[in-house]
Amino acid sequence: MTKKFTGNSKGEVVEKLLEVLEVKQATLYKRMEFLGISIQKHSNESWIDEEDYQELAALGEWIDTHGKMEGFEKRADQQAIVKTEETTLDIPAEQPTVQAENNSRNFGSEQQQMSQLVASAQNKAAGVLMAEGILAQQFIANPEMLPEQLKQQIQEANAIPQVDPNAFAAELLRQHRTVAA
């Protein structure tokens, strides 16, 4: 087997794959897991085989065409998500610097994962807030869609007590005479 991408650490190999395959780190890991591919490491050298790279590239083309991994035929020697070695990711001692024009590929792996997690949480929060606002507007415009218990509470809060106009006028006159005296 020919070594395709080499580096001093698995992290370097991952960075090279991310750049060439033009995918995000989480996507790369999912595809590698799906194919049963792992980055090889011996001493201070890490690499991925040419055949494994070609399979990753072919899977990428399959996904571009079909929109999903399912249905992709793996090589005969690949087992579906069976790993025989412990997978570790070496993080380089010197973290790459963030560059504004392409920062999604320049974070260290932990920073990138954290950024992806934060972005996902922000998107989820924004979605929940937008949905909450839209639903509230819908219920304001259509109060008949509210549950009976809430309709009852609204009626109680908006209920104006029935007032006898003569009794009300008499009370106003009494209060006025008390203040004038």
N, C-alpha and C. Protein backbone atom coordinates (compact mmCIF):
# COMPACT_ATOMS: atom_id res chain seq x y z
N MET A 1 0.84 -1.18 0.00
CA MET A 1 0.00 0.00 0.00
C MET A 1 0.89 1.24 0.00
N THR A 2 0.51 2.21 -0.81
CA THR A 2 1.27 3.44 -0.95
C THR A 2 0.72 4.49 0.01
N LYS A 3 1.62 5.20 0.66
CA LYS A 3 1.20 6.28 1.56
C LYS A 3 0.80 7.49 0.73
N LYS A 4 -0.38 8.04 1.00
CA LYS A 4 -0.87 9.17 0.22
C LYS A 4 -0.53 10.49 0.93
N PHE A 5 -1.06 10.69 2.10
CA PHE A 5 -0.80 11.90 2.87
C PHE A 5 0.00 11.51 4.10
N THR A 6 1.09 12.19 4.35
CA THR A 6 1.90 11.90 5.52
C THR A 6 2.05 13.16 6.35
N GLY A 7 2.37 12.97 7.61
CA GLY A 7 2.59 14.08 8.52
C GLY A 7 3.24 13.59 9.79
N ASN A 8 3.62 14.53 10.64
CA ASN A 8 4.23 14.17 11.92
C ASN A 8 3.20 13.72 12.95
N SER A 9 1.93 14.00 12.66
CA SER A 9 0.86 13.61 13.58
C SER A 9 -0.41 13.32 12.78
N LYS A 10 -1.34 12.67 13.45
CA LYS A 10 -2.62 12.40 12.81
C LYS A 10 -3.34 13.71 12.50
N GLY A 11 -3.15 14.70 13.37
CA GLY A 11 -3.76 16.01 13.16
C GLY A 11 -3.31 16.65 11.86
N GLU A 12 -2.04 16.51 11.51
CA GLU A 12 -1.53 17.05 10.25
C GLU A 12 -2.17 16.35 9.05
N VAL A 13 -2.32 15.06 9.15
CA VAL A 13 -2.93 14.30 8.06
C VAL A 13 -4.40 14.72 7.90
N VAL A 14 -5.09 14.88 9.02
CA VAL A 14 -6.48 15.32 8.99
C VAL A 14 -6.58 16.68 8.32
N GLU A 15 -5.70 17.61 8.68
CA GLU A 15 -5.73 18.95 8.08
C GLU A 15 -5.54 18.86 6.57
N LYS A 16 -4.63 18.02 6.10
CA LYS A 16 -4.40 17.86 4.66
C LYS A 16 -5.64 17.29 3.98
N LEU A 17 -6.27 16.30 4.61
CA LEU A 17 -7.48 15.70 4.04
C LEU A 17 -8.62 16.72 3.98
N LEU A 18 -8.76 17.52 5.02
CA LEU A 18 -9.82 18.53 5.04
C LEU A 18 -9.65 19.50 3.89
N GLU A 19 -8.42 19.88 3.64
CA GLU A 19 -8.14 20.83 2.57
C GLU A 19 -8.42 20.23 1.19
N VAL A 20 -7.95 19.00 0.97
CA VAL A 20 -8.09 18.38 -0.35
C VAL A 20 -9.54 17.96 -0.62
N LEU A 21 -10.20 17.39 0.38
CA LEU A 21 -11.57 16.90 0.19
C LEU A 21 -12.61 18.00 0.33
N GLU A 22 -12.19 19.15 0.88
CA GLU A 22 -13.07 20.30 1.06
C GLU A 22 -14.32 19.95 1.86
N VAL A 23 -14.10 19.33 3.02
CA VAL A 23 -15.19 19.01 3.93
C VAL A 23 -14.82 19.49 5.32
N LYS A 24 -15.80 19.50 6.21
CA LYS A 24 -15.54 19.86 7.60
C LYS A 24 -15.02 18.63 8.34
N GLN A 25 -14.41 18.88 9.48
CA GLN A 25 -13.79 17.80 10.23
C GLN A 25 -14.79 16.73 10.65
N ALA A 26 -15.95 17.16 11.14
CA ALA A 26 -16.96 16.17 11.57
C ALA A 26 -17.39 15.29 10.40
N THR A 27 -17.52 15.90 9.22
CA THR A 27 -17.90 15.15 8.02
C THR A 27 -16.83 14.14 7.66
N LEU A 28 -15.57 14.57 7.71
CA LEU A 28 -14.46 13.66 7.39
C LEU A 28 -14.47 12.46 8.34
N TYR A 29 -14.63 12.71 9.63
CA TYR A 29 -14.63 11.61 10.60
C TYR A 29 -15.80 10.65 10.38
N LYS A 30 -16.98 11.19 10.04
CA LYS A 30 -18.13 10.33 9.77
C LYS A 30 -17.88 9.44 8.56
N ARG A 31 -17.29 10.02 7.53
CA ARG A 31 -17.01 9.24 6.32
C ARG A 31 -15.95 8.18 6.58
N MET A 32 -14.91 8.54 7.34
CA MET A 32 -13.87 7.57 7.67
C MET A 32 -14.45 6.42 8.48
N GLU A 33 -15.32 6.77 9.43
CA GLU A 33 -15.94 5.73 10.26
C GLU A 33 -16.82 4.83 9.40
N PHE A 34 -17.60 5.43 8.51
CA PHE A 34 -18.48 4.68 7.62
C PHE A 34 -17.68 3.68 6.78
N LEU A 35 -16.51 4.11 6.31
CA LEU A 35 -15.67 3.25 5.46
C LEU A 35 -14.75 2.34 6.26
N GLY A 36 -14.66 2.54 7.57
CA GLY A 36 -13.74 1.74 8.38
C GLY A 36 -12.29 2.13 8.15
N ILE A 37 -12.05 3.39 7.80
CA ILE A 37 -10.70 3.87 7.51
C ILE A 37 -10.15 4.58 8.74
N SER A 38 -8.87 4.35 9.01
CA SER A 38 -8.21 5.08 10.09
C SER A 38 -6.84 5.54 9.61
N ILE A 39 -6.38 6.60 10.23
CA ILE A 39 -5.05 7.13 9.91
C ILE A 39 -4.03 6.24 10.61
N GLN A 40 -3.03 5.81 9.86
CA GLN A 40 -1.98 4.95 10.39
C GLN A 40 -0.92 5.79 11.10
N LYS A 41 -0.27 5.22 12.11
CA LYS A 41 0.78 5.94 12.83
C LYS A 41 1.86 4.96 13.24
N HIS A 42 3.10 5.37 12.99
CA HIS A 42 4.24 4.60 13.44
C HIS A 42 5.35 5.59 13.78
N SER A 43 5.82 5.51 15.01
CA SER A 43 6.82 6.46 15.53
C SER A 43 6.29 7.88 15.36
N ASN A 44 7.04 8.71 14.65
CA ASN A 44 6.64 10.11 14.46
C ASN A 44 6.01 10.36 13.10
N GLU A 45 5.56 9.32 12.44
CA GLU A 45 4.97 9.49 11.12
C GLU A 45 3.54 8.97 11.12
N SER A 46 2.66 9.77 10.55
CA SER A 46 1.26 9.39 10.38
C SER A 46 0.93 9.48 8.90
N TRP A 47 -0.01 8.64 8.43
CA TRP A 47 -0.35 8.65 7.02
C TRP A 47 -1.69 7.98 6.78
N ILE A 48 -2.19 8.19 5.57
CA ILE A 48 -3.36 7.48 5.09
C ILE A 48 -2.94 6.85 3.76
N ASP A 49 -3.38 5.63 3.51
CA ASP A 49 -3.00 4.91 2.29
C ASP A 49 -3.70 5.51 1.08
N GLU A 50 -3.10 5.33 -0.08
CA GLU A 50 -3.65 5.80 -1.35
C GLU A 50 -5.04 5.21 -1.58
N GLU A 51 -5.20 3.91 -1.32
CA GLU A 51 -6.49 3.25 -1.52
C GLU A 51 -7.57 3.85 -0.63
N ASP A 52 -7.20 4.14 0.64
CA ASP A 52 -8.17 4.74 1.56
C ASP A 52 -8.56 6.14 1.09
N TYR A 53 -7.58 6.91 0.63
CA TYR A 53 -7.88 8.25 0.11
C TYR A 53 -8.81 8.15 -1.10
N GLN A 54 -8.51 7.23 -2.02
CA GLN A 54 -9.35 7.08 -3.21
C GLN A 54 -10.78 6.71 -2.81
N GLU A 55 -10.91 5.87 -1.80
CA GLU A 55 -12.25 5.49 -1.33
C GLU A 55 -12.98 6.68 -0.72
N LEU A 56 -12.27 7.52 0.06
CA LEU A 56 -12.88 8.72 0.62
C LEU A 56 -13.35 9.66 -0.50
N ALA A 57 -12.49 9.83 -1.52
CA ALA A 57 -12.84 10.69 -2.65
C ALA A 57 -14.05 10.14 -3.40
N ALA A 58 -14.09 8.83 -3.61
CA ALA A 58 -15.21 8.21 -4.31
C ALA A 58 -16.51 8.36 -3.50
N LEU A 59 -16.41 8.22 -2.18
CA LEU A 59 -17.58 8.40 -1.33
C LEU A 59 -18.09 9.84 -1.44
N GLY A 60 -17.15 10.79 -1.48
CA GLY A 60 -17.54 12.19 -1.63
C GLY A 60 -18.30 12.42 -2.92
N GLU A 61 -17.84 11.82 -4.01
CA GLU A 61 -18.53 11.95 -5.29
C GLU A 61 -19.91 11.30 -5.23
N TRP A 62 -19.99 10.14 -4.57
CA TRP A 62 -21.27 9.43 -4.41
C TRP A 62 -22.26 10.33 -3.66
N ILE A 63 -21.80 10.94 -2.58
CA ILE A 63 -22.67 11.80 -1.78
C ILE A 63 -23.11 13.02 -2.58
N ASP A 64 -22.20 13.58 -3.38
CA ASP A 64 -22.56 14.72 -4.23
C ASP A 64 -23.67 14.35 -5.20
N THR A 65 -23.64 13.12 -5.69
CA THR A 65 -24.63 12.67 -6.66
C THR A 65 -25.93 12.21 -6.00
N HIS A 66 -25.80 11.42 -4.92
CA HIS A 66 -26.97 10.77 -4.31
C HIS A 66 -27.46 11.43 -3.02
N GLY A 67 -26.65 12.32 -2.44
CA GLY A 67 -27.08 13.04 -1.25
C GLY A 67 -26.96 12.28 0.05
N LYS A 68 -26.43 11.06 0.03
CA LYS A 68 -26.29 10.29 1.27
C LYS A 68 -25.22 9.21 1.07
N MET A 69 -24.74 8.67 2.21
CA MET A 69 -23.70 7.64 2.15
C MET A 69 -24.30 6.27 1.85
N GLU A 70 -25.54 6.07 2.28
CA GLU A 70 -26.17 4.78 2.09
C GLU A 70 -26.21 4.42 0.61
N GLY A 71 -25.90 3.16 0.33
CA GLY A 71 -25.90 2.68 -1.04
C GLY A 71 -24.52 2.66 -1.67
N PHE A 72 -23.55 3.32 -1.03
CA PHE A 72 -22.19 3.33 -1.55
C PHE A 72 -21.57 1.96 -1.30
N GLU A 73 -20.97 1.38 -2.33
CA GLU A 73 -20.34 0.07 -2.18
C GLU A 73 -18.91 0.23 -1.70
N LYS A 74 -18.65 -0.34 -0.54
CA LYS A 74 -17.31 -0.29 0.04
C LYS A 74 -16.43 -1.34 -0.63
N ARG A 75 -15.12 -1.12 -0.51
CA ARG A 75 -14.19 -2.14 -1.00
C ARG A 75 -14.43 -3.43 -0.24
N ALA A 76 -14.12 -4.52 -0.84
CA ALA A 76 -14.36 -5.83 -0.23
C ALA A 76 -13.58 -6.00 1.08
N ASP A 77 -12.40 -5.36 1.19
CA ASP A 77 -11.59 -5.55 2.40
C ASP A 77 -12.00 -4.63 3.53
N GLN A 78 -13.02 -3.78 3.34
CA GLN A 78 -13.45 -2.85 4.39
C GLN A 78 -14.58 -3.45 5.20
N GLN A 79 -14.50 -3.35 6.47
CA GLN A 79 -15.55 -3.78 7.37
C GLN A 79 -16.37 -2.56 7.76
N ALA A 80 -17.63 -2.71 7.94
CA ALA A 80 -18.47 -1.58 8.31
C ALA A 80 -18.25 -1.22 9.77
N ILE A 81 -17.64 -0.13 9.99
CA ILE A 81 -17.42 0.47 11.29
C ILE A 81 -16.86 -0.51 12.32
N VAL A 82 -15.92 -1.32 11.93
CA VAL A 82 -15.24 -2.22 12.85
C VAL A 82 -13.81 -1.71 12.99
N LYS A 83 -13.42 -1.41 14.22
CA LYS A 83 -12.08 -0.88 14.45
C LYS A 83 -11.31 -1.87 15.30
N THR A 84 -10.09 -2.15 14.90
CA THR A 84 -9.29 -3.10 15.65
C THR A 84 -8.21 -2.40 16.45
N GLU A 85 -8.05 -1.10 16.24
CA GLU A 85 -7.03 -0.39 16.99
C GLU A 85 -7.67 0.77 17.72
N GLU A 86 -7.04 1.23 18.77
CA GLU A 86 -7.54 2.37 19.50
C GLU A 86 -7.26 3.62 18.68
N THR A 87 -8.28 4.43 18.50
CA THR A 87 -8.12 5.65 17.71
C THR A 87 -7.78 6.81 18.63
N THR A 88 -6.69 7.49 18.33
CA THR A 88 -6.32 8.68 19.06
C THR A 88 -6.01 9.77 18.06
N LEU A 89 -6.17 10.99 18.50
CA LEU A 89 -5.87 12.12 17.64
C LEU A 89 -4.78 12.93 18.31
N ASP A 90 -3.64 13.04 17.66
CA ASP A 90 -2.56 13.84 18.19
C ASP A 90 -2.81 15.29 17.81
N ILE A 91 -2.81 16.15 18.82
CA ILE A 91 -2.99 17.57 18.57
C ILE A 91 -1.60 18.20 18.54
N PRO A 92 -1.28 18.92 17.48
CA PRO A 92 0.04 19.52 17.39
C PRO A 92 0.31 20.44 18.57
N ALA A 93 1.56 20.48 19.04
CA ALA A 93 1.93 21.31 20.17
C ALA A 93 1.68 22.78 19.84
N GLU A 94 1.97 23.19 18.63
CA GLU A 94 1.75 24.57 18.22
C GLU A 94 0.45 24.64 17.44
N GLN A 95 -0.52 25.34 17.99
CA GLN A 95 -1.81 25.46 17.33
C GLN A 95 -1.71 26.41 16.15
N PRO A 96 -2.32 26.08 15.03
CA PRO A 96 -2.33 26.99 13.89
C PRO A 96 -3.06 28.28 14.26
N THR A 97 -2.71 29.37 13.62
CA THR A 97 -3.36 30.64 13.89
C THR A 97 -4.63 30.75 13.05
N VAL A 98 -5.55 31.53 13.56
CA VAL A 98 -6.81 31.73 12.87
C VAL A 98 -6.62 32.83 11.83
N GLN A 99 -7.04 32.55 10.60
CA GLN A 99 -6.97 33.53 9.54
C GLN A 99 -8.39 33.84 9.11
N ALA A 100 -8.70 35.11 8.96
CA ALA A 100 -10.06 35.54 8.70
C ALA A 100 -10.64 34.95 7.43
N GLU A 101 -9.85 34.81 6.36
CA GLU A 101 -10.43 34.40 5.10
C GLU A 101 -10.84 32.94 5.07
N ASN A 102 -10.28 32.07 5.92
CA ASN A 102 -10.64 30.65 5.86
C ASN A 102 -10.46 30.02 7.23
N ASN A 103 -11.07 30.61 8.23
CA ASN A 103 -10.78 30.17 9.59
C ASN A 103 -11.37 28.82 9.95
N SER A 104 -12.33 28.28 9.20
CA SER A 104 -12.93 26.99 9.57
C SER A 104 -11.94 25.85 9.45
N ARG A 105 -10.89 25.98 8.66
CA ARG A 105 -9.91 24.90 8.50
C ARG A 105 -8.61 25.19 9.24
N ASN A 106 -8.50 26.34 9.89
CA ASN A 106 -7.24 26.70 10.52
C ASN A 106 -7.25 26.57 12.03
N PHE A 107 -8.36 26.22 12.61
CA PHE A 107 -8.41 26.00 14.06
C PHE A 107 -7.74 24.68 14.38
N GLY A 108 -7.21 24.58 15.61
CA GLY A 108 -6.78 23.27 16.09
C GLY A 108 -8.02 22.42 16.22
N SER A 109 -7.89 21.13 16.24
CA SER A 109 -9.06 20.26 16.21
C SER A 109 -10.00 20.50 17.40
N GLU A 110 -9.48 20.72 18.59
CA GLU A 110 -10.34 20.97 19.74
C GLU A 110 -11.05 22.30 19.59
N GLN A 111 -10.34 23.31 19.13
CA GLN A 111 -10.95 24.62 18.93
C GLN A 111 -12.03 24.54 17.86
N GLN A 112 -11.76 23.82 16.80
CA GLN A 112 -12.73 23.70 15.71
C GLN A 112 -13.98 22.97 16.19
N GLN A 113 -13.80 21.92 16.95
CA GLN A 113 -14.95 21.18 17.47
C GLN A 113 -15.77 22.06 18.40
N MET A 114 -15.08 22.85 19.23
CA MET A 114 -15.78 23.75 20.15
C MET A 114 -16.52 24.82 19.36
N SER A 115 -15.89 25.36 18.33
CA SER A 115 -16.54 26.38 17.49
C SER A 115 -17.77 25.80 16.81
N GLN A 116 -17.66 24.57 16.32
CA GLN A 116 -18.80 23.92 15.68
C GLN A 116 -19.92 23.69 16.68
N LEU A 117 -19.57 23.30 17.89
CA LEU A 117 -20.57 23.07 18.94
C LEU A 117 -21.27 24.38 19.29
N VAL A 118 -20.50 25.45 19.46
CA VAL A 118 -21.08 26.76 19.79
C VAL A 118 -21.98 27.24 18.66
N ALA A 119 -21.51 27.11 17.42
CA ALA A 119 -22.32 27.54 16.27
C ALA A 119 -23.62 26.74 16.21
N SER A 120 -23.53 25.45 16.46
CA SER A 120 -24.72 24.60 16.44
C SER A 120 -25.70 25.04 17.54
N ALA A 121 -25.19 25.32 18.73
CA ALA A 121 -26.04 25.76 19.83
C ALA A 121 -26.68 27.11 19.51
N GLN A 122 -25.91 28.02 18.91
CA GLN A 122 -26.45 29.32 18.54
C GLN A 122 -27.56 29.16 17.50
N ASN A 123 -27.33 28.31 16.51
CA ASN A 123 -28.35 28.08 15.49
C ASN A 123 -29.61 27.48 16.10
N LYS A 124 -29.42 26.55 17.02
CA LYS A 124 -30.57 25.93 17.68
C LYS A 124 -31.34 26.96 18.50
N ALA A 125 -30.62 27.79 19.25
CA ALA A 125 -31.26 28.82 20.06
C ALA A 125 -32.02 29.81 19.18
N ALA A 126 -31.40 30.24 18.09
CA ALA A 126 -32.06 31.17 17.17
C ALA A 126 -33.31 30.53 16.59
N GLY A 127 -33.23 29.27 16.22
CA GLY A 127 -34.39 28.57 15.67
C GLY A 127 -35.52 28.48 16.68
N VAL A 128 -35.18 28.16 17.92
CA VAL A 128 -36.20 28.06 18.97
C VAL A 128 -36.85 29.43 19.20
N LEU A 129 -36.02 30.49 19.27
CA LEU A 129 -36.57 31.83 19.49
C LEU A 129 -37.46 32.28 18.33
N MET A 130 -37.02 31.98 17.11
CA MET A 130 -37.84 32.35 15.96
C MET A 130 -39.16 31.58 15.96
N ALA A 131 -39.09 30.29 16.23
CA ALA A 131 -40.30 29.48 16.26
C ALA A 131 -41.24 29.95 17.36
N GLU A 132 -40.68 30.30 18.52
CA GLU A 132 -41.50 30.78 19.63
C GLU A 132 -42.22 32.07 19.24
N GLY A 133 -41.50 32.99 18.60
CA GLY A 133 -42.11 34.24 18.17
C GLY A 133 -43.19 34.03 17.13
N ILE A 134 -42.93 33.17 16.17
CA ILE A 134 -43.91 32.88 15.11
C ILE A 134 -45.16 32.23 15.70
N LEU A 135 -44.96 31.27 16.59
CA LEU A 135 -46.12 30.61 17.21
C LEU A 135 -46.91 31.57 18.08
N ALA A 136 -46.22 32.45 18.82
CA ALA A 136 -46.92 33.42 19.66
C ALA A 136 -47.77 34.34 18.78
N GLN A 137 -47.23 34.80 17.66
CA GLN A 137 -48.01 35.63 16.74
C GLN A 137 -49.22 34.88 16.21
N GLN A 138 -49.03 33.61 15.91
CA GLN A 138 -50.13 32.79 15.40
C GLN A 138 -51.25 32.67 16.44
N PHE A 139 -50.87 32.46 17.71
CA PHE A 139 -51.88 32.32 18.76
C PHE A 139 -52.55 33.66 19.08
N ILE A 140 -51.80 34.77 18.96
CA ILE A 140 -52.41 36.08 19.17
C ILE A 140 -53.44 36.36 18.08
N ALA A 141 -53.09 36.04 16.85
CA ALA A 141 -54.01 36.26 15.73
C ALA A 141 -55.19 35.28 15.76
N ASN A 142 -55.01 34.11 16.34
CA ASN A 142 -56.04 33.07 16.37
C ASN A 142 -56.21 32.52 17.78
N PRO A 143 -56.75 33.30 18.71
CA PRO A 143 -56.85 32.84 20.10
C PRO A 143 -57.72 31.60 20.27
N GLU A 144 -58.58 31.32 19.29
CA GLU A 144 -59.42 30.12 19.38
C GLU A 144 -58.58 28.84 19.34
N MET A 145 -57.31 28.95 18.91
CA MET A 145 -56.42 27.78 18.84
C MET A 145 -55.80 27.45 20.20
N LEU A 146 -55.98 28.33 21.18
CA LEU A 146 -55.41 28.10 22.51
C LEU A 146 -56.17 27.01 23.26
N PRO A 147 -55.51 26.33 24.18
CA PRO A 147 -56.20 25.34 25.02
C PRO A 147 -57.28 26.01 25.86
N GLU A 148 -58.30 25.26 26.21
CA GLU A 148 -59.44 25.79 26.97
C GLU A 148 -59.01 26.46 28.27
N GLN A 149 -58.04 25.87 28.96
CA GLN A 149 -57.59 26.43 30.24
C GLN A 149 -57.05 27.84 30.05
N LEU A 150 -56.26 28.06 28.99
CA LEU A 150 -55.72 29.40 28.74
C LEU A 150 -56.82 30.36 28.30
N LYS A 151 -57.77 29.89 27.52
CA LYS A 151 -58.90 30.74 27.12
C LYS A 151 -59.66 31.22 28.36
N GLN A 152 -59.86 30.32 29.31
CA GLN A 152 -60.56 30.65 30.55
C GLN A 152 -59.78 31.71 31.34
N GLN A 153 -58.47 31.56 31.44
CA GLN A 153 -57.64 32.53 32.17
C GLN A 153 -57.70 33.90 31.50
N ILE A 154 -57.71 33.92 30.18
CA ILE A 154 -57.79 35.19 29.45
C ILE A 154 -59.13 35.86 29.72
N GLN A 155 -60.20 35.08 29.70
CA GLN A 155 -61.53 35.64 29.96
C GLN A 155 -61.61 36.22 31.37
N GLU A 156 -61.02 35.51 32.34
CA GLU A 156 -61.05 36.00 33.72
C GLU A 156 -60.24 37.28 33.86
N ALA A 157 -59.10 37.35 33.20
CA ALA A 157 -58.25 38.54 33.29
C ALA A 157 -58.89 39.73 32.59
N ASN A 158 -59.61 39.50 31.52
CA ASN A 158 -60.23 40.58 30.76
C ASN A 158 -61.65 40.91 31.21
N ALA A 159 -62.17 40.16 32.15
CA ALA A 159 -63.56 40.37 32.58
C ALA A 159 -63.70 41.71 33.28
N ILE A 160 -64.65 42.50 32.81
CA ILE A 160 -64.96 43.78 33.45
C ILE A 160 -66.15 43.53 34.35
N PRO A 161 -66.01 43.88 35.61
CA PRO A 161 -67.13 43.62 36.51
C PRO A 161 -68.36 44.45 36.08
N GLN A 162 -69.51 43.83 36.20
CA GLN A 162 -70.76 44.53 35.89
C GLN A 162 -71.02 45.58 36.97
N VAL A 163 -71.24 46.80 36.50
CA VAL A 163 -71.46 47.90 37.44
C VAL A 163 -72.83 48.51 37.17
N ASP A 164 -73.54 48.72 38.26
CA ASP A 164 -74.82 49.42 38.15
C ASP A 164 -74.49 50.90 37.96
N PRO A 165 -74.91 51.50 36.84
CA PRO A 165 -74.56 52.90 36.58
C PRO A 165 -75.06 53.86 37.66
N ASN A 166 -76.23 53.60 38.23
CA ASN A 166 -76.76 54.48 39.29
C ASN A 166 -75.92 54.37 40.55
N ALA A 167 -75.53 53.15 40.90
CA ALA A 167 -74.70 52.96 42.10
C ALA A 167 -73.33 53.58 41.89
N PHE A 168 -72.80 53.47 40.68
CA PHE A 168 -71.49 54.06 40.38
C PHE A 168 -71.55 55.59 40.48
N ALA A 169 -72.60 56.19 39.93
CA ALA A 169 -72.76 57.66 39.99
C ALA A 169 -72.92 58.11 41.44
N ALA A 170 -73.69 57.37 42.22
CA ALA A 170 -73.89 57.72 43.63
C ALA A 170 -72.57 57.65 44.39
N GLU A 171 -71.74 56.65 44.11
CA GLU A 171 -70.44 56.53 44.78
C GLU A 171 -69.52 57.68 44.40
N LEU A 172 -69.54 58.09 43.13
CA LEU A 172 -68.72 59.24 42.70
C LEU A 172 -69.16 60.52 43.41
N LEU A 173 -70.48 60.72 43.52
CA LEU A 173 -70.99 61.92 44.21
C LEU A 173 -70.59 61.90 45.69
N ARG A 174 -70.68 60.75 46.32
CA ARG A 174 -70.30 60.62 47.74
C ARG A 174 -68.83 60.97 47.93
N GLN A 175 -67.97 60.44 47.05
CA GLN A 175 -66.54 60.73 47.15
C GLN A 175 -66.26 62.20 46.91
N HIS A 176 -67.00 62.82 46.00
CA HIS A 176 -66.79 64.23 45.69
C HIS A 176 -67.20 65.10 46.87
N ARG A 177 -68.30 64.75 47.52
CA ARG A 177 -68.78 65.53 48.68
C ARG A 177 -67.80 65.39 49.83
N THR A 178 -67.21 64.22 50.02
CA THR A 178 -66.26 64.00 51.09
C THR A 178 -65.01 64.84 50.86
N VAL A 179 -64.54 64.93 49.66
CA VAL A 179 -63.33 65.69 49.33
C VAL A 179 -63.62 67.18 49.44
N ALA A 180 -64.81 67.64 49.01
CA ALA A 180 -65.17 69.05 49.03
C ALA A 180 -65.38 69.54 50.46
N ALA A 181 -65.75 68.71 51.35
CA ALA A 181 -66.06 69.11 52.73
C ALA A 181 -64.87 69.32 53.59
